[in-house]
Amino acid sequence: MKNNSGFTIMELLTAIAIVGIMSAIAVPNMITWRNNMQFNSAVRTVKISIERARMAAIRANMPSRIDFNVGGDSFDVIRWDMVANAFAAPVTVQLPPGTILAGSNFAGNQLRFNGNGMPVTLFGGTLRIENSTGSLCSRIVVANLGSSRIEVCP
């Protein structure tokens, strides 16, 4: 008596077909999920940079600012240099590909904090961030007391 063990060619083809169908369904969803996570990470990076600039201004009791490259994918964080008694060289933060700083209502596209961590503008401001296709949008709102929050665009 012969013991037949293993799979037939039909069983293997069926398993490969099932895996192929499941991959065809899952891959587009994973790509969308990855793009959403990358965009959300970029928005959090901007918010954290704003909070760090504010904290640096409070810690040193000196001004700091962020220059937004509206229409681009980067911004500059500039702190006060006490030795030179002027703003130091900017530190450029590059956002992930496909993320755009779409708009800002800060004067001159600059968010400035005084030594108390308060925005120099009277009413704070808003920064709009979008992905390159415009399908994802978030706003970072800086309140008149300096706190910031992330909102989904309407």
N, C-alpha and C. Protein backbone atom coordinates (compact mmCIF):
# COMPACT_ATOMS: atom_id res chain seq x y z
N MET A 1 0.84 -1.17 0.00
CA MET A 1 0.00 0.00 0.00
C MET A 1 0.89 1.24 0.00
N LYS A 2 0.59 2.15 -0.88
CA LYS A 2 1.38 3.34 -1.06
C LYS A 2 0.72 4.51 -0.32
N ASN A 3 1.52 5.28 0.46
CA ASN A 3 1.02 6.43 1.21
C ASN A 3 1.23 7.68 0.35
N ASN A 4 0.15 8.29 -0.10
CA ASN A 4 0.24 9.51 -0.89
C ASN A 4 0.15 10.71 0.04
N SER A 5 1.23 11.43 0.18
CA SER A 5 1.22 12.62 1.01
C SER A 5 1.61 13.81 0.15
N GLY A 6 1.15 15.00 0.55
CA GLY A 6 1.45 16.22 -0.20
C GLY A 6 0.18 16.81 -0.78
N PHE A 7 0.37 17.81 -1.64
CA PHE A 7 -0.76 18.52 -2.23
C PHE A 7 -0.82 18.25 -3.71
N THR A 8 -2.02 18.28 -4.23
CA THR A 8 -2.17 18.15 -5.68
C THR A 8 -1.95 19.51 -6.31
N ILE A 9 -1.76 19.53 -7.61
CA ILE A 9 -1.55 20.79 -8.32
C ILE A 9 -2.79 21.68 -8.22
N MET A 10 -3.96 21.10 -8.18
CA MET A 10 -5.19 21.90 -8.06
C MET A 10 -5.28 22.57 -6.69
N GLU A 11 -4.89 21.87 -5.65
CA GLU A 11 -4.90 22.47 -4.32
C GLU A 11 -3.91 23.64 -4.25
N LEU A 12 -2.74 23.49 -4.82
CA LEU A 12 -1.75 24.56 -4.84
C LEU A 12 -2.25 25.76 -5.64
N LEU A 13 -2.84 25.54 -6.80
CA LEU A 13 -3.36 26.64 -7.61
C LEU A 13 -4.50 27.36 -6.89
N THR A 14 -5.33 26.63 -6.19
CA THR A 14 -6.42 27.24 -5.44
C THR A 14 -5.88 28.11 -4.31
N ALA A 15 -4.89 27.63 -3.60
CA ALA A 15 -4.29 28.41 -2.51
C ALA A 15 -3.62 29.68 -3.06
N ILE A 16 -2.92 29.56 -4.18
CA ILE A 16 -2.27 30.73 -4.79
C ILE A 16 -3.32 31.74 -5.25
N ALA A 17 -4.41 31.28 -5.80
CA ALA A 17 -5.48 32.17 -6.25
C ALA A 17 -6.10 32.92 -5.07
N ILE A 18 -6.32 32.23 -3.97
CA ILE A 18 -6.90 32.86 -2.77
C ILE A 18 -5.95 33.93 -2.23
N VAL A 19 -4.66 33.61 -2.16
CA VAL A 19 -3.67 34.59 -1.69
C VAL A 19 -3.63 35.79 -2.63
N GLY A 20 -3.68 35.57 -3.93
CA GLY A 20 -3.67 36.66 -4.91
C GLY A 20 -4.88 37.56 -4.77
N ILE A 21 -6.05 37.00 -4.58
CA ILE A 21 -7.27 37.80 -4.42
C ILE A 21 -7.19 38.62 -3.13
N MET A 22 -6.75 38.00 -2.06
CA MET A 22 -6.65 38.73 -0.79
C MET A 22 -5.62 39.85 -0.89
N SER A 23 -4.52 39.62 -1.60
CA SER A 23 -3.51 40.68 -1.78
C SER A 23 -4.06 41.83 -2.61
N ALA A 24 -4.82 41.51 -3.64
CA ALA A 24 -5.40 42.55 -4.49
C ALA A 24 -6.37 43.43 -3.70
N ILE A 25 -7.00 42.88 -2.70
CA ILE A 25 -7.92 43.66 -1.86
C ILE A 25 -7.14 44.45 -0.81
N ALA A 26 -6.12 43.86 -0.23
CA ALA A 26 -5.43 44.46 0.91
C ALA A 26 -4.42 45.54 0.53
N VAL A 27 -3.72 45.39 -0.58
CA VAL A 27 -2.63 46.31 -0.92
C VAL A 27 -3.12 47.75 -1.09
N PRO A 28 -4.19 48.05 -1.83
CA PRO A 28 -4.62 49.45 -1.93
C PRO A 28 -5.00 50.06 -0.59
N ASN A 29 -5.62 49.28 0.27
CA ASN A 29 -5.96 49.78 1.60
C ASN A 29 -4.71 50.07 2.42
N MET A 30 -3.69 49.24 2.29
CA MET A 30 -2.45 49.48 3.02
C MET A 30 -1.73 50.73 2.50
N ILE A 31 -1.79 50.97 1.20
CA ILE A 31 -1.16 52.16 0.64
C ILE A 31 -1.86 53.41 1.15
N THR A 32 -3.19 53.40 1.17
CA THR A 32 -3.96 54.53 1.69
C THR A 32 -3.65 54.74 3.16
N TRP A 33 -3.60 53.67 3.93
CA TRP A 33 -3.29 53.77 5.36
C TRP A 33 -1.91 54.38 5.57
N ARG A 34 -0.92 53.94 4.78
CA ARG A 34 0.44 54.46 4.89
C ARG A 34 0.49 55.95 4.57
N ASN A 35 -0.19 56.36 3.52
CA ASN A 35 -0.21 57.78 3.16
C ASN A 35 -0.87 58.62 4.25
N ASN A 36 -1.95 58.12 4.83
CA ASN A 36 -2.62 58.84 5.92
C ASN A 36 -1.72 58.96 7.14
N MET A 37 -1.04 57.90 7.49
CA MET A 37 -0.14 57.94 8.65
C MET A 37 1.04 58.87 8.40
N GLN A 38 1.55 58.88 7.19
CA GLN A 38 2.67 59.77 6.86
C GLN A 38 2.22 61.23 6.95
N PHE A 39 1.01 61.53 6.46
CA PHE A 39 0.48 62.90 6.54
C PHE A 39 0.26 63.30 8.00
N ASN A 40 -0.36 62.43 8.78
CA ASN A 40 -0.60 62.75 10.19
C ASN A 40 0.71 62.95 10.95
N SER A 41 1.72 62.19 10.60
CA SER A 41 3.03 62.36 11.22
C SER A 41 3.62 63.72 10.88
N ALA A 42 3.46 64.16 9.65
CA ALA A 42 3.96 65.48 9.25
C ALA A 42 3.25 66.59 10.01
N VAL A 43 1.94 66.46 10.19
CA VAL A 43 1.19 67.47 10.93
C VAL A 43 1.66 67.52 12.38
N ARG A 44 1.87 66.36 12.98
CA ARG A 44 2.37 66.33 14.36
C ARG A 44 3.79 66.91 14.46
N THR A 45 4.61 66.69 13.44
CA THR A 45 5.96 67.27 13.43
C THR A 45 5.90 68.78 13.47
N VAL A 46 5.00 69.37 12.69
CA VAL A 46 4.87 70.83 12.69
C VAL A 46 4.39 71.32 14.04
N LYS A 47 3.40 70.65 14.60
CA LYS A 47 2.86 71.07 15.91
C LYS A 47 3.94 70.97 17.00
N ILE A 48 4.69 69.90 16.99
CA ILE A 48 5.75 69.72 17.99
C ILE A 48 6.82 70.80 17.82
N SER A 49 7.15 71.15 16.58
CA SER A 49 8.13 72.21 16.34
C SER A 49 7.63 73.55 16.87
N ILE A 50 6.35 73.81 16.72
CA ILE A 50 5.76 75.04 17.26
C ILE A 50 5.87 75.04 18.78
N GLU A 51 5.53 73.92 19.40
CA GLU A 51 5.60 73.83 20.86
C GLU A 51 7.04 73.97 21.36
N ARG A 52 8.00 73.38 20.65
CA ARG A 52 9.40 73.49 21.05
C ARG A 52 9.91 74.91 20.92
N ALA A 53 9.52 75.60 19.85
CA ALA A 53 9.94 77.00 19.69
C ALA A 53 9.37 77.85 20.81
N ARG A 54 8.14 77.59 21.19
CA ARG A 54 7.52 78.33 22.29
C ARG A 54 8.25 78.06 23.61
N MET A 55 8.54 76.78 23.87
CA MET A 55 9.24 76.42 25.10
C MET A 55 10.65 77.00 25.13
N ALA A 56 11.32 77.05 23.99
CA ALA A 56 12.67 77.64 23.94
C ALA A 56 12.60 79.12 24.25
N ALA A 57 11.56 79.80 23.78
CA ALA A 57 11.40 81.23 24.08
C ALA A 57 11.17 81.44 25.57
N ILE A 58 10.36 80.59 26.17
CA ILE A 58 10.09 80.72 27.61
C ILE A 58 11.34 80.41 28.42
N ARG A 59 12.02 79.33 28.05
CA ARG A 59 13.21 78.90 28.80
C ARG A 59 14.30 79.97 28.79
N ALA A 60 14.55 80.57 27.62
CA ALA A 60 15.61 81.57 27.52
C ALA A 60 15.11 82.99 27.79
N ASN A 61 13.80 83.15 27.91
CA ASN A 61 13.18 84.47 28.06
C ASN A 61 13.62 85.39 26.92
N MET A 62 13.70 84.79 25.73
CA MET A 62 14.11 85.50 24.51
C MET A 62 13.17 85.07 23.38
N PRO A 63 13.03 85.88 22.35
CA PRO A 63 12.10 85.52 21.27
C PRO A 63 12.59 84.33 20.45
N SER A 64 11.64 83.69 19.80
CA SER A 64 11.94 82.65 18.81
C SER A 64 10.86 82.76 17.73
N ARG A 65 11.14 82.16 16.59
CA ARG A 65 10.16 82.25 15.51
C ARG A 65 10.26 81.05 14.59
N ILE A 66 9.19 80.87 13.83
CA ILE A 66 9.15 79.83 12.80
C ILE A 66 8.73 80.52 11.51
N ASP A 67 9.51 80.33 10.46
CA ASP A 67 9.21 80.87 9.13
C ASP A 67 8.65 79.74 8.28
N PHE A 68 7.39 79.87 7.87
CA PHE A 68 6.73 78.83 7.08
C PHE A 68 6.94 79.11 5.59
N ASN A 69 7.35 78.10 4.87
CA ASN A 69 7.51 78.18 3.42
C ASN A 69 6.18 77.77 2.79
N VAL A 70 5.23 78.71 2.75
CA VAL A 70 3.89 78.40 2.25
C VAL A 70 3.97 78.02 0.78
N GLY A 71 3.32 76.92 0.44
CA GLY A 71 3.40 76.38 -0.90
C GLY A 71 4.51 75.36 -1.05
N GLY A 72 5.34 75.23 -0.03
CA GLY A 72 6.46 74.30 -0.05
C GLY A 72 6.30 73.21 1.00
N ASP A 73 7.36 72.46 1.20
CA ASP A 73 7.31 71.33 2.13
C ASP A 73 8.35 71.45 3.22
N SER A 74 8.66 72.69 3.63
CA SER A 74 9.64 72.88 4.70
C SER A 74 9.32 74.15 5.47
N PHE A 75 9.95 74.26 6.64
CA PHE A 75 9.85 75.48 7.44
C PHE A 75 11.13 75.62 8.24
N ASP A 76 11.40 76.85 8.67
CA ASP A 76 12.62 77.14 9.41
C ASP A 76 12.29 77.50 10.85
N VAL A 77 13.01 76.90 11.79
CA VAL A 77 12.88 77.24 13.20
C VAL A 77 14.10 78.09 13.56
N ILE A 78 13.84 79.27 14.12
CA ILE A 78 14.92 80.21 14.40
C ILE A 78 14.82 80.65 15.86
N ARG A 79 15.87 80.44 16.60
CA ARG A 79 15.92 80.83 18.01
C ARG A 79 16.85 82.01 18.19
N TRP A 80 16.70 82.67 19.32
CA TRP A 80 17.51 83.84 19.63
C TRP A 80 18.87 83.40 20.13
N ASP A 81 19.92 83.99 19.58
CA ASP A 81 21.29 83.73 20.01
C ASP A 81 21.69 84.85 20.96
N MET A 82 21.86 84.50 22.24
CA MET A 82 22.17 85.53 23.25
C MET A 82 23.57 86.11 23.06
N VAL A 83 24.50 85.33 22.54
CA VAL A 83 25.87 85.82 22.35
C VAL A 83 25.88 86.89 21.25
N ALA A 84 25.21 86.61 20.13
CA ALA A 84 25.19 87.55 19.01
C ALA A 84 24.12 88.62 19.19
N ASN A 85 23.21 88.41 20.14
CA ASN A 85 22.08 89.31 20.39
C ASN A 85 21.26 89.52 19.11
N ALA A 86 21.01 88.40 18.44
CA ALA A 86 20.21 88.40 17.21
C ALA A 86 19.68 86.98 16.98
N PHE A 87 18.80 86.84 16.01
CA PHE A 87 18.32 85.51 15.69
C PHE A 87 19.47 84.68 15.12
N ALA A 88 19.54 83.42 15.53
CA ALA A 88 20.59 82.50 15.08
C ALA A 88 20.26 81.99 13.68
N ALA A 89 21.15 81.19 13.14
CA ALA A 89 20.91 80.58 11.83
C ALA A 89 19.70 79.66 11.90
N PRO A 90 18.90 79.65 10.86
CA PRO A 90 17.69 78.81 10.90
C PRO A 90 18.01 77.32 10.81
N VAL A 91 17.15 76.55 11.45
CA VAL A 91 17.19 75.10 11.33
C VAL A 91 16.00 74.70 10.47
N THR A 92 16.27 74.16 9.29
CA THR A 92 15.20 73.82 8.34
C THR A 92 14.66 72.43 8.66
N VAL A 93 13.34 72.33 8.72
CA VAL A 93 12.67 71.05 8.93
C VAL A 93 11.96 70.69 7.62
N GLN A 94 12.32 69.54 7.08
CA GLN A 94 11.75 69.07 5.82
C GLN A 94 10.60 68.11 6.12
N LEU A 95 9.45 68.34 5.51
CA LEU A 95 8.31 67.46 5.69
C LEU A 95 8.39 66.30 4.69
N PRO A 96 7.67 65.21 4.96
CA PRO A 96 7.71 64.07 4.03
C PRO A 96 7.20 64.46 2.65
N PRO A 97 7.60 63.74 1.62
CA PRO A 97 7.12 64.03 0.27
C PRO A 97 5.60 63.97 0.22
N GLY A 98 5.01 64.89 -0.53
CA GLY A 98 3.56 64.91 -0.68
C GLY A 98 2.84 65.72 0.38
N THR A 99 3.56 66.36 1.29
CA THR A 99 2.96 67.20 2.31
C THR A 99 3.30 68.65 2.02
N ILE A 100 2.29 69.51 2.00
CA ILE A 100 2.48 70.90 1.60
C ILE A 100 1.93 71.82 2.68
N LEU A 101 2.68 72.86 3.00
CA LEU A 101 2.18 73.93 3.86
C LEU A 101 1.33 74.82 2.96
N ALA A 102 0.02 74.63 2.99
CA ALA A 102 -0.87 75.24 2.00
C ALA A 102 -1.21 76.69 2.29
N GLY A 103 -1.23 77.09 3.53
CA GLY A 103 -1.60 78.47 3.81
C GLY A 103 -1.34 78.84 5.25
N SER A 104 -1.19 80.15 5.48
CA SER A 104 -0.91 80.65 6.81
C SER A 104 -1.51 82.05 6.91
N ASN A 105 -2.07 82.37 8.07
CA ASN A 105 -2.52 83.74 8.27
C ASN A 105 -1.63 84.48 9.27
N PHE A 106 -0.42 83.96 9.50
CA PHE A 106 0.56 84.67 10.31
C PHE A 106 1.18 85.78 9.46
N ALA A 107 1.47 86.90 10.06
CA ALA A 107 2.05 88.02 9.34
C ALA A 107 3.39 87.60 8.74
N GLY A 108 3.52 87.76 7.44
CA GLY A 108 4.76 87.39 6.76
C GLY A 108 5.06 85.91 6.82
N ASN A 109 4.04 85.09 7.07
CA ASN A 109 4.20 83.64 7.23
C ASN A 109 5.21 83.29 8.32
N GLN A 110 5.29 84.15 9.35
CA GLN A 110 6.18 83.91 10.49
C GLN A 110 5.35 83.83 11.76
N LEU A 111 5.60 82.78 12.52
CA LEU A 111 5.01 82.66 13.85
C LEU A 111 6.11 83.07 14.83
N ARG A 112 5.88 84.17 15.52
CA ARG A 112 6.89 84.69 16.46
C ARG A 112 6.36 84.56 17.88
N PHE A 113 7.25 84.12 18.76
CA PHE A 113 6.94 84.06 20.19
C PHE A 113 7.84 85.04 20.92
N ASN A 114 7.27 85.76 21.89
CA ASN A 114 8.11 86.63 22.72
C ASN A 114 8.71 85.80 23.85
N GLY A 115 9.44 86.42 24.74
CA GLY A 115 10.12 85.70 25.82
C GLY A 115 9.18 85.03 26.81
N ASN A 116 7.90 85.41 26.79
CA ASN A 116 6.90 84.78 27.67
C ASN A 116 6.19 83.62 26.98
N GLY A 117 6.55 83.32 25.74
CA GLY A 117 5.90 82.24 25.01
C GLY A 117 4.58 82.63 24.39
N MET A 118 4.32 83.92 24.30
CA MET A 118 3.08 84.40 23.70
C MET A 118 3.36 84.78 22.25
N PRO A 119 2.42 84.49 21.35
CA PRO A 119 2.60 84.93 19.96
C PRO A 119 2.63 86.46 19.90
N VAL A 120 3.45 86.97 19.03
CA VAL A 120 3.56 88.42 18.89
C VAL A 120 2.29 88.99 18.29
N THR A 121 1.65 88.23 17.38
CA THR A 121 0.37 88.67 16.83
C THR A 121 -0.68 88.60 17.91
N LEU A 122 -1.62 89.50 17.88
CA LEU A 122 -2.60 89.63 18.95
C LEU A 122 -3.54 88.43 19.06
N PHE A 123 -3.92 87.84 17.92
CA PHE A 123 -4.93 86.80 17.94
C PHE A 123 -4.41 85.42 17.54
N GLY A 124 -3.11 85.18 17.63
CA GLY A 124 -2.57 83.88 17.24
C GLY A 124 -2.65 83.72 15.74
N GLY A 125 -2.98 82.53 15.28
CA GLY A 125 -3.10 82.30 13.84
C GLY A 125 -3.31 80.84 13.52
N THR A 126 -3.37 80.57 12.21
CA THR A 126 -3.66 79.23 11.72
C THR A 126 -2.71 78.88 10.59
N LEU A 127 -2.27 77.64 10.57
CA LEU A 127 -1.45 77.09 9.49
C LEU A 127 -2.21 75.93 8.87
N ARG A 128 -2.37 75.95 7.56
CA ARG A 128 -3.09 74.89 6.85
C ARG A 128 -2.09 73.97 6.18
N ILE A 129 -2.26 72.65 6.39
CA ILE A 129 -1.36 71.64 5.83
C ILE A 129 -2.19 70.67 5.01
N GLU A 130 -1.75 70.39 3.79
CA GLU A 130 -2.48 69.47 2.90
C GLU A 130 -1.51 68.45 2.31
N ASN A 131 -2.10 67.36 1.80
CA ASN A 131 -1.27 66.45 1.01
C ASN A 131 -1.28 66.94 -0.43
N SER A 132 -0.45 66.38 -1.28
CA SER A 132 -0.29 66.90 -2.64
C SER A 132 -1.54 66.78 -3.48
N THR A 133 -2.41 65.83 -3.18
CA THR A 133 -3.65 65.68 -3.95
C THR A 133 -4.78 66.52 -3.39
N GLY A 134 -4.60 67.07 -2.20
CA GLY A 134 -5.66 67.88 -1.59
C GLY A 134 -6.74 67.06 -0.90
N SER A 135 -6.56 65.75 -0.83
CA SER A 135 -7.59 64.91 -0.21
C SER A 135 -7.50 64.90 1.31
N LEU A 136 -6.34 65.24 1.87
CA LEU A 136 -6.16 65.32 3.31
C LEU A 136 -5.80 66.75 3.68
N CYS A 137 -6.40 67.24 4.75
CA CYS A 137 -6.15 68.61 5.17
C CYS A 137 -6.27 68.70 6.68
N SER A 138 -5.34 69.40 7.30
CA SER A 138 -5.39 69.67 8.73
C SER A 138 -4.96 71.11 8.96
N ARG A 139 -5.41 71.66 10.07
CA ARG A 139 -4.99 73.00 10.46
C ARG A 139 -4.36 72.92 11.84
N ILE A 140 -3.34 73.74 12.02
CA ILE A 140 -2.76 73.91 13.35
C ILE A 140 -3.14 75.32 13.78
N VAL A 141 -3.88 75.40 14.86
CA VAL A 141 -4.36 76.67 15.36
C VAL A 141 -3.52 77.05 16.58
N VAL A 142 -2.94 78.24 16.53
CA VAL A 142 -2.17 78.76 17.66
C VAL A 142 -3.03 79.83 18.31
N ALA A 143 -3.36 79.60 19.58
CA ALA A 143 -4.22 80.53 20.31
C ALA A 143 -3.45 81.78 20.70
N ASN A 144 -4.17 82.79 21.13
CA ASN A 144 -3.54 84.06 21.48
C ASN A 144 -2.65 83.95 22.72
N LEU A 145 -2.77 82.86 23.49
CA LEU A 145 -1.89 82.67 24.65
C LEU A 145 -0.71 81.75 24.32
N GLY A 146 -0.65 81.24 23.08
CA GLY A 146 0.49 80.46 22.65
C GLY A 146 0.27 78.96 22.54
N SER A 147 -0.82 78.46 23.10
CA SER A 147 -1.08 77.01 22.98
C SER A 147 -1.49 76.69 21.55
N SER A 148 -1.26 75.45 21.14
CA SER A 148 -1.59 75.06 19.77
C SER A 148 -2.37 73.75 19.79
N ARG A 149 -3.18 73.59 18.75
CA ARG A 149 -3.97 72.36 18.62
C ARG A 149 -4.12 72.03 17.14
N ILE A 150 -4.40 70.75 16.86
CA ILE A 150 -4.60 70.28 15.50
C ILE A 150 -6.09 70.12 15.27
N GLU A 151 -6.56 70.61 14.12
CA GLU A 151 -7.96 70.46 13.74
C GLU A 151 -8.00 69.89 12.33
N VAL A 152 -9.06 69.12 12.04
CA VAL A 152 -9.29 68.64 10.69
C VAL A 152 -10.00 69.76 9.93
N CYS A 153 -9.57 70.01 8.71
CA CYS A 153 -10.20 71.08 7.92
C CYS A 153 -11.65 70.72 7.64
N PRO A 154 -12.51 71.75 7.63
CA PRO A 154 -13.93 71.48 7.31
C PRO A 154 -14.13 71.13 5.86
